[in-house]
Amino acid sequence: MKTELIVSDMTCNHCVQTITQAVQAIAPDAKVQADLPTHRVTVESASAQGDAVLAAVLDADYDARLA
C-alpha cells in the first residue's frame, strides 16, 4: 500500500531520519521517500495502512496529514 503525507514541519535530513524510523518501527518493510522542498513523504508498505503510518508520524511529534 502506498501512503502520501504532507509533513509541514519536516525541514532537514534529521527529520527525514526520525520519520523513517517511526514508520519502520510499525512497518519494518516500509520504503520511505521524502521530498524536503515540498514536505511530502511517500511510504510504500505491505504491512501498514495509511492511518497507522500517519499515527506513527504524529506520535514522533511531527505535524502531518494525509496528502
PDB file of N, CA and C in Angstrom:
ATOM      1  N   MET A   1       0.835  -1.175   0.000  1.00  0.00           N
ATOM      2  CA  MET A   1       0.000   0.000   0.000  1.00  0.00           C
ATOM      3  C   MET A   1       0.886   1.247   0.000  1.00  0.00           C
ATOM      4  N   LYS A   2       0.472   2.233  -0.746  1.00  0.00           N
ATOM      5  CA  LYS A   2       1.212   3.491  -0.840  1.00  0.00           C
ATOM      6  C   LYS A   2       0.449   4.569  -0.070  1.00  0.00           C
ATOM      7  N   THR A   3       1.171   5.274   0.788  1.00  0.00           N
ATOM      8  CA  THR A   3       0.596   6.361   1.577  1.00  0.00           C
ATOM      9  C   THR A   3       1.412   7.617   1.338  1.00  0.00           C
ATOM     10  N   GLU A   4       0.734   8.722   1.084  1.00  0.00           N
ATOM     11  CA  GLU A   4       1.423  10.000   0.918  1.00  0.00           C
ATOM     12  C   GLU A   4       0.984  10.943   2.023  1.00  0.00           C
ATOM     13  N   LEU A   5       1.980  11.572   2.627  1.00  0.00           N
ATOM     14  CA  LEU A   5       1.736  12.511   3.710  1.00  0.00           C
ATOM     15  C   LEU A   5       2.341  13.866   3.378  1.00  0.00           C
ATOM     16  N   ILE A   6       1.758  14.898   3.934  1.00  0.00           N
ATOM     17  CA  ILE A   6       2.365  16.225   3.953  1.00  0.00           C
ATOM     18  C   ILE A   6       2.805  16.447   5.403  1.00  0.00           C
ATOM     19  N   VAL A   7       4.098  16.683   5.579  1.00  0.00           N
ATOM     20  CA  VAL A   7       4.655  16.901   6.916  1.00  0.00           C
ATOM     21  C   VAL A   7       5.225  18.322   6.924  1.00  0.00           C
ATOM     22  N   SER A   8       4.410  19.264   7.374  1.00  0.00           N
ATOM     23  CA  SER A   8       4.756  20.676   7.218  1.00  0.00           C
ATOM     24  C   SER A   8       5.993  21.105   7.997  1.00  0.00           C
ATOM     25  N   ASP A   9       6.316  20.395   9.077  1.00  0.00           N
ATOM     26  CA  ASP A   9       7.485  20.789   9.866  1.00  0.00           C
ATOM     27  C   ASP A   9       8.703  19.893   9.641  1.00  0.00           C
ATOM     28  N   MET A  10       8.725  19.170   8.541  1.00  0.00           N
ATOM     29  CA  MET A  10       9.894  18.381   8.140  1.00  0.00           C
ATOM     30  C   MET A  10      10.826  19.319   7.371  1.00  0.00           C
ATOM     31  N   THR A  11      11.969  19.648   7.964  1.00  0.00           N
ATOM     32  CA  THR A  11      12.826  20.677   7.383  1.00  0.00           C
ATOM     33  C   THR A  11      14.250  20.242   7.082  1.00  0.00           C
ATOM     34  N   CYS A  12      14.648  19.043   7.545  1.00  0.00           N
ATOM     35  CA  CYS A  12      16.047  18.648   7.365  1.00  0.00           C
ATOM     36  C   CYS A  12      16.161  17.126   7.294  1.00  0.00           C
ATOM     37  N   ASN A  13      17.371  16.670   7.013  1.00  0.00           N
ATOM     38  CA  ASN A  13      17.590  15.228   6.917  1.00  0.00           C
ATOM     39  C   ASN A  13      17.409  14.519   8.245  1.00  0.00           C
ATOM     40  N   HIS A  14      17.639  15.209   9.349  1.00  0.00           N
ATOM     41  CA  HIS A  14      17.380  14.595  10.655  1.00  0.00           C
ATOM     42  C   HIS A  14      15.886  14.297  10.802  1.00  0.00           C
ATOM     43  N   CYS A  15      15.048  15.211  10.344  1.00  0.00           N
ATOM     44  CA  CYS A  15      13.601  14.986  10.354  1.00  0.00           C
ATOM     45  C   CYS A  15      13.251  13.748   9.525  1.00  0.00           C
ATOM     46  N   VAL A  16      13.838  13.652   8.355  1.00  0.00           N
ATOM     47  CA  VAL A  16      13.577  12.509   7.473  1.00  0.00           C
ATOM     48  C   VAL A  16      13.972  11.215   8.175  1.00  0.00           C
ATOM     49  N   GLN A  17      15.124  11.209   8.817  1.00  0.00           N
ATOM     50  CA  GLN A  17      15.597  10.016   9.514  1.00  0.00           C
ATOM     51  C   GLN A  17      14.643   9.642  10.654  1.00  0.00           C
ATOM     52  N   THR A  18      14.196  10.615  11.422  1.00  0.00           N
ATOM     53  CA  THR A  18      13.286  10.360  12.534  1.00  0.00           C
ATOM     54  C   THR A  18      11.949   9.819  12.036  1.00  0.00           C
ATOM     55  N   ILE A  19      11.423  10.406  10.978  1.00  0.00           N
ATOM     56  CA  ILE A  19      10.158   9.948  10.397  1.00  0.00           C
ATOM     57  C   ILE A  19      10.312   8.528   9.851  1.00  0.00           C
ATOM     58  N   THR A  20      11.418   8.273   9.165  1.00  0.00           N
ATOM     59  CA  THR A  20      11.669   6.931   8.629  1.00  0.00           C
ATOM     60  C   THR A  20      11.714   5.908   9.748  1.00  0.00           C
ATOM     61  N   GLN A  21      12.410   6.211  10.825  1.00  0.00           N
ATOM     62  CA  GLN A  21      12.497   5.285  11.954  1.00  0.00           C
ATOM     63  C   GLN A  21      11.133   5.058  12.593  1.00  0.00           C
ATOM     64  N   ALA A  22      10.332   6.100  12.706  1.00  0.00           N
ATOM     65  CA  ALA A  22       9.000   5.972  13.294  1.00  0.00           C
ATOM     66  C   ALA A  22       8.112   5.064  12.445  1.00  0.00           C
ATOM     67  N   VAL A  23       8.173   5.247  11.136  1.00  0.00           N
ATOM     68  CA  VAL A  23       7.365   4.421  10.241  1.00  0.00           C
ATOM     69  C   VAL A  23       7.860   2.975  10.249  1.00  0.00           C
ATOM     70  N   GLN A  24       9.171   2.783  10.193  1.00  0.00           N
ATOM     71  CA  GLN A  24       9.710   1.430  10.154  1.00  0.00           C
ATOM     72  C   GLN A  24       9.554   0.703  11.487  1.00  0.00           C
ATOM     73  N   ALA A  25       9.301   1.425  12.564  1.00  0.00           N
ATOM     74  CA  ALA A  25       9.029   0.783  13.847  1.00  0.00           C
ATOM     75  C   ALA A  25       7.698   0.029  13.808  1.00  0.00           C
ATOM     76  N   ILE A  26       6.740   0.536  13.023  1.00  0.00           N
ATOM     77  CA  ILE A  26       5.447  -0.147  12.914  1.00  0.00           C
ATOM     78  C   ILE A  26       5.348  -1.012  11.661  1.00  0.00           C
ATOM     79  N   ALA A  27       6.228  -0.747  10.692  1.00  0.00           N
ATOM     80  CA  ALA A  27       6.216  -1.487   9.426  1.00  0.00           C
ATOM     81  C   ALA A  27       7.648  -1.652   8.943  1.00  0.00           C
ATOM     82  N   PRO A  28       8.353  -2.677   9.434  1.00  0.00           N
ATOM     83  CA  PRO A  28       9.764  -2.850   9.080  1.00  0.00           C
ATOM     84  C   PRO A  28      10.034  -2.958   7.575  1.00  0.00           C
ATOM     85  N   ASP A  29       9.021  -3.357   6.813  1.00  0.00           N
ATOM     86  CA  ASP A  29       9.198  -3.498   5.369  1.00  0.00           C
ATOM     87  C   ASP A  29       9.033  -2.173   4.618  1.00  0.00           C
ATOM     88  N   ALA A  30       8.674  -1.116   5.308  1.00  0.00           N
ATOM     89  CA  ALA A  30       8.323   0.156   4.660  1.00  0.00           C
ATOM     90  C   ALA A  30       9.514   0.785   3.943  1.00  0.00           C
ATOM     91  N   LYS A  31       9.226   1.286   2.752  1.00  0.00           N
ATOM     92  CA  LYS A  31      10.173   2.097   1.995  1.00  0.00           C
ATOM     93  C   LYS A  31       9.671   3.532   2.109  1.00  0.00           C
ATOM     94  N   VAL A  32      10.516   4.406   2.643  1.00  0.00           N
ATOM     95  CA  VAL A  32      10.125   5.790   2.909  1.00  0.00           C
ATOM     96  C   VAL A  32      10.939   6.708   2.012  1.00  0.00           C
ATOM     97  N   GLN A  33      10.238   7.570   1.282  1.00  0.00           N
ATOM     98  CA  GLN A  33      10.889   8.578   0.451  1.00  0.00           C
ATOM     99  C   GLN A  33      10.377   9.940   0.896  1.00  0.00           C
ATOM    100  N   ALA A  34      11.296  10.880   1.026  1.00  0.00           N
ATOM    101  CA  ALA A  34      10.912  12.219   1.465  1.00  0.00           C
ATOM    102  C   ALA A  34      11.414  13.262   0.484  1.00  0.00           C
ATOM    103  N   ASP A  35      10.595  14.274   0.276  1.00  0.00           N
ATOM    104  CA  ASP A  35      10.953  15.412  -0.565  1.00  0.00           C
ATOM    105  C   ASP A  35      10.883  16.654   0.323  1.00  0.00           C
ATOM    106  N   LEU A  36      12.047  17.096   0.797  1.00  0.00           N
ATOM    107  CA  LEU A  36      12.086  18.219   1.734  1.00  0.00           C
ATOM    108  C   LEU A  36      11.442  19.501   1.192  1.00  0.00           C
ATOM    109  N   PRO A  37      11.729  19.913  -0.052  1.00  0.00           N
ATOM    110  CA  PRO A  37      11.151  21.177  -0.528  1.00  0.00           C
ATOM    111  C   PRO A  37       9.612  21.204  -0.534  1.00  0.00           C
ATOM    112  N   THR A  38       8.990  20.054  -0.790  1.00  0.00           N
ATOM    113  CA  THR A  38       7.521  20.013  -0.832  1.00  0.00           C
ATOM    114  C   THR A  38       6.913  19.472   0.460  1.00  0.00           C
ATOM    115  N   HIS A  39       7.776  19.034   1.391  1.00  0.00           N
ATOM    116  CA  HIS A  39       7.330  18.470   2.673  1.00  0.00           C
ATOM    117  C   HIS A  39       6.478  17.219   2.479  1.00  0.00           C
ATOM    118  N   ARG A  40       6.731  16.495   1.406  1.00  0.00           N
ATOM    119  CA  ARG A  40       5.942  15.300   1.086  1.00  0.00           C
ATOM    120  C   ARG A  40       6.729  14.046   1.440  1.00  0.00           C
ATOM    121  N   VAL A  41       6.046  13.103   2.086  1.00  0.00           N
ATOM    122  CA  VAL A  41       6.623  11.808   2.423  1.00  0.00           C
ATOM    123  C   VAL A  41       5.765  10.733   1.767  1.00  0.00           C
ATOM    124  N   THR A  42       6.416   9.820   1.058  1.00  0.00           N
ATOM    125  CA  THR A  42       5.730   8.698   0.439  1.00  0.00           C
ATOM    126  C   THR A  42       6.218   7.424   1.094  1.00  0.00           C
ATOM    127  N   VAL A  43       5.262   6.611   1.544  1.00  0.00           N
ATOM    128  CA  VAL A  43       5.582   5.356   2.219  1.00  0.00           C
ATOM    129  C   VAL A  43       4.945   4.222   1.447  1.00  0.00           C
ATOM    130  N   GLU A  44       5.748   3.222   1.110  1.00  0.00           N
ATOM    131  CA  GLU A  44       5.233   2.010   0.487  1.00  0.00           C
ATOM    132  C   GLU A  44       5.461   0.866   1.453  1.00  0.00           C
ATOM    133  N   SER A  45       4.365   0.190   1.818  1.00  0.00           N
ATOM    134  CA  SER A  45       4.444  -0.894   2.782  1.00  0.00           C
ATOM    135  C   SER A  45       3.302  -1.871   2.556  1.00  0.00           C
ATOM    136  N   ALA A  46       3.624  -3.150   2.659  1.00  0.00           N
ATOM    137  CA  ALA A  46       2.592  -4.174   2.562  1.00  0.00           C
ATOM    138  C   ALA A  46       1.905  -4.384   3.906  1.00  0.00           C
ATOM    139  N   SER A  47       2.534  -3.919   4.982  1.00  0.00           N
ATOM    140  CA  SER A  47       2.018  -4.245   6.314  1.00  0.00           C
ATOM    141  C   SER A  47       1.367  -3.080   7.055  1.00  0.00           C
ATOM    142  N   ALA A  48       1.436  -1.865   6.543  1.00  0.00           N
ATOM    143  CA  ALA A  48       0.872  -0.722   7.275  1.00  0.00           C
ATOM    144  C   ALA A  48      -0.139   0.032   6.422  1.00  0.00           C
ATOM    145  N   GLN A  49      -1.278   0.316   7.018  1.00  0.00           N
ATOM    146  CA  GLN A  49      -2.314   1.120   6.380  1.00  0.00           C
ATOM    147  C   GLN A  49      -1.993   2.598   6.559  1.00  0.00           C
ATOM    148  N   GLY A  50      -2.616   3.442   5.773  1.00  0.00           N
ATOM    149  CA  GLY A  50      -2.371   4.878   5.815  1.00  0.00           C
ATOM    150  C   GLY A  50      -2.575   5.504   7.181  1.00  0.00           C
ATOM    151  N   ASP A  51      -3.642   5.097   7.874  1.00  0.00           N
ATOM    152  CA  ASP A  51      -3.908   5.671   9.189  1.00  0.00           C
ATOM    153  C   ASP A  51      -2.814   5.319  10.189  1.00  0.00           C
ATOM    154  N   ALA A  52      -2.276   4.099  10.100  1.00  0.00           N
ATOM    155  CA  ALA A  52      -1.202   3.674  11.008  1.00  0.00           C
ATOM    156  C   ALA A  52       0.082   4.445  10.725  1.00  0.00           C
ATOM    157  N   VAL A  53       0.365   4.673   9.449  1.00  0.00           N
ATOM    158  CA  VAL A  53       1.550   5.448   9.066  1.00  0.00           C
ATOM    159  C   VAL A  53       1.410   6.875   9.580  1.00  0.00           C
ATOM    160  N   LEU A  54       0.255   7.472   9.376  1.00  0.00           N
ATOM    161  CA  LEU A  54       0.008   8.831   9.857  1.00  0.00           C
ATOM    162  C   LEU A  54       0.160   8.895  11.376  1.00  0.00           C
ATOM    163  N   ALA A  55      -0.404   7.940  12.083  1.00  0.00           N
ATOM    164  CA  ALA A  55      -0.313   7.920  13.547  1.00  0.00           C
ATOM    165  C   ALA A  55       1.138   7.825  14.013  1.00  0.00           C
ATOM    166  N   ALA A  56       1.946   7.025  13.329  1.00  0.00           N
ATOM    167  CA  ALA A  56       3.354   6.875  13.701  1.00  0.00           C
ATOM    168  C   ALA A  56       4.097   8.203  13.554  1.00  0.00           C
ATOM    169  N   VAL A  57       3.824   8.927  12.479  1.00  0.00           N
ATOM    170  CA  VAL A  57       4.492  10.216  12.254  1.00  0.00           C
ATOM    171  C   VAL A  57       3.999  11.251  13.268  1.00  0.00           C
ATOM    172  N   LEU A  58       2.716  11.248  13.550  1.00  0.00           N
ATOM    173  CA  LEU A  58       2.181  12.164  14.566  1.00  0.00           C
ATOM    174  C   LEU A  58       2.766  11.846  15.940  1.00  0.00           C
ATOM    175  N   ASP A  59       2.911  10.570  16.263  1.00  0.00           N
ATOM    176  CA  ASP A  59       3.492  10.159  17.550  1.00  0.00           C
ATOM    177  C   ASP A  59       4.946  10.579  17.673  1.00  0.00           C
ATOM    178  N   ALA A  60       5.613  10.775  16.524  1.00  0.00           N
ATOM    179  CA  ALA A  60       7.008  11.241  16.532  1.00  0.00           C
ATOM    180  C   ALA A  60       7.067  12.773  16.648  1.00  0.00           C
ATOM    181  N   ASP A  61       5.925  13.385  16.905  1.00  0.00           N
ATOM    182  CA  ASP A  61       5.798  14.834  17.132  1.00  0.00           C
ATOM    183  C   ASP A  61       5.998  15.683  15.874  1.00  0.00           C
ATOM    184  N   TYR A  62       5.514  15.158  14.754  1.00  0.00           N
ATOM    185  CA  TYR A  62       5.508  15.953  13.516  1.00  0.00           C
ATOM    186  C   TYR A  62       4.080  16.305  13.151  1.00  0.00           C
ATOM    187  N   ASP A  63       3.929  17.447  12.514  1.00  0.00           N
ATOM    188  CA  ASP A  63       2.627  17.921  12.062  1.00  0.00           C
ATOM    189  C   ASP A  63       2.383  17.336  10.679  1.00  0.00           C
ATOM    190  N   ALA A  64       1.601  16.270  10.637  1.00  0.00           N
ATOM    191  CA  ALA A  64       1.411  15.541   9.380  1.00  0.00           C
ATOM    192  C   ALA A  64      -0.079  15.387   9.076  1.00  0.00           C
ATOM    193  N   ARG A  65      -0.351  15.241   7.785  1.00  0.00           N
ATOM    194  CA  ARG A  65      -1.706  14.942   7.319  1.00  0.00           C
ATOM    195  C   ARG A  65      -1.598  14.111   6.058  1.00  0.00           C
ATOM    196  N   LEU A  66      -2.639  13.355   5.771  1.00  0.00           N
ATOM    197  CA  LEU A  66      -2.655  12.587   4.529  1.00  0.00           C
ATOM    198  C   LEU A  66      -2.726  13.548   3.346  1.00  0.00           C
ATOM    199  N   ALA A  67      -1.972  13.248   2.324  1.00  0.00           N
ATOM    200  CA  ALA A  67      -1.934  14.115   1.138  1.00  0.00           C
ATOM    201  C   ALA A  67      -3.141  13.862   0.264  1.00  0.00           C
TER     202      ALA A  67
END
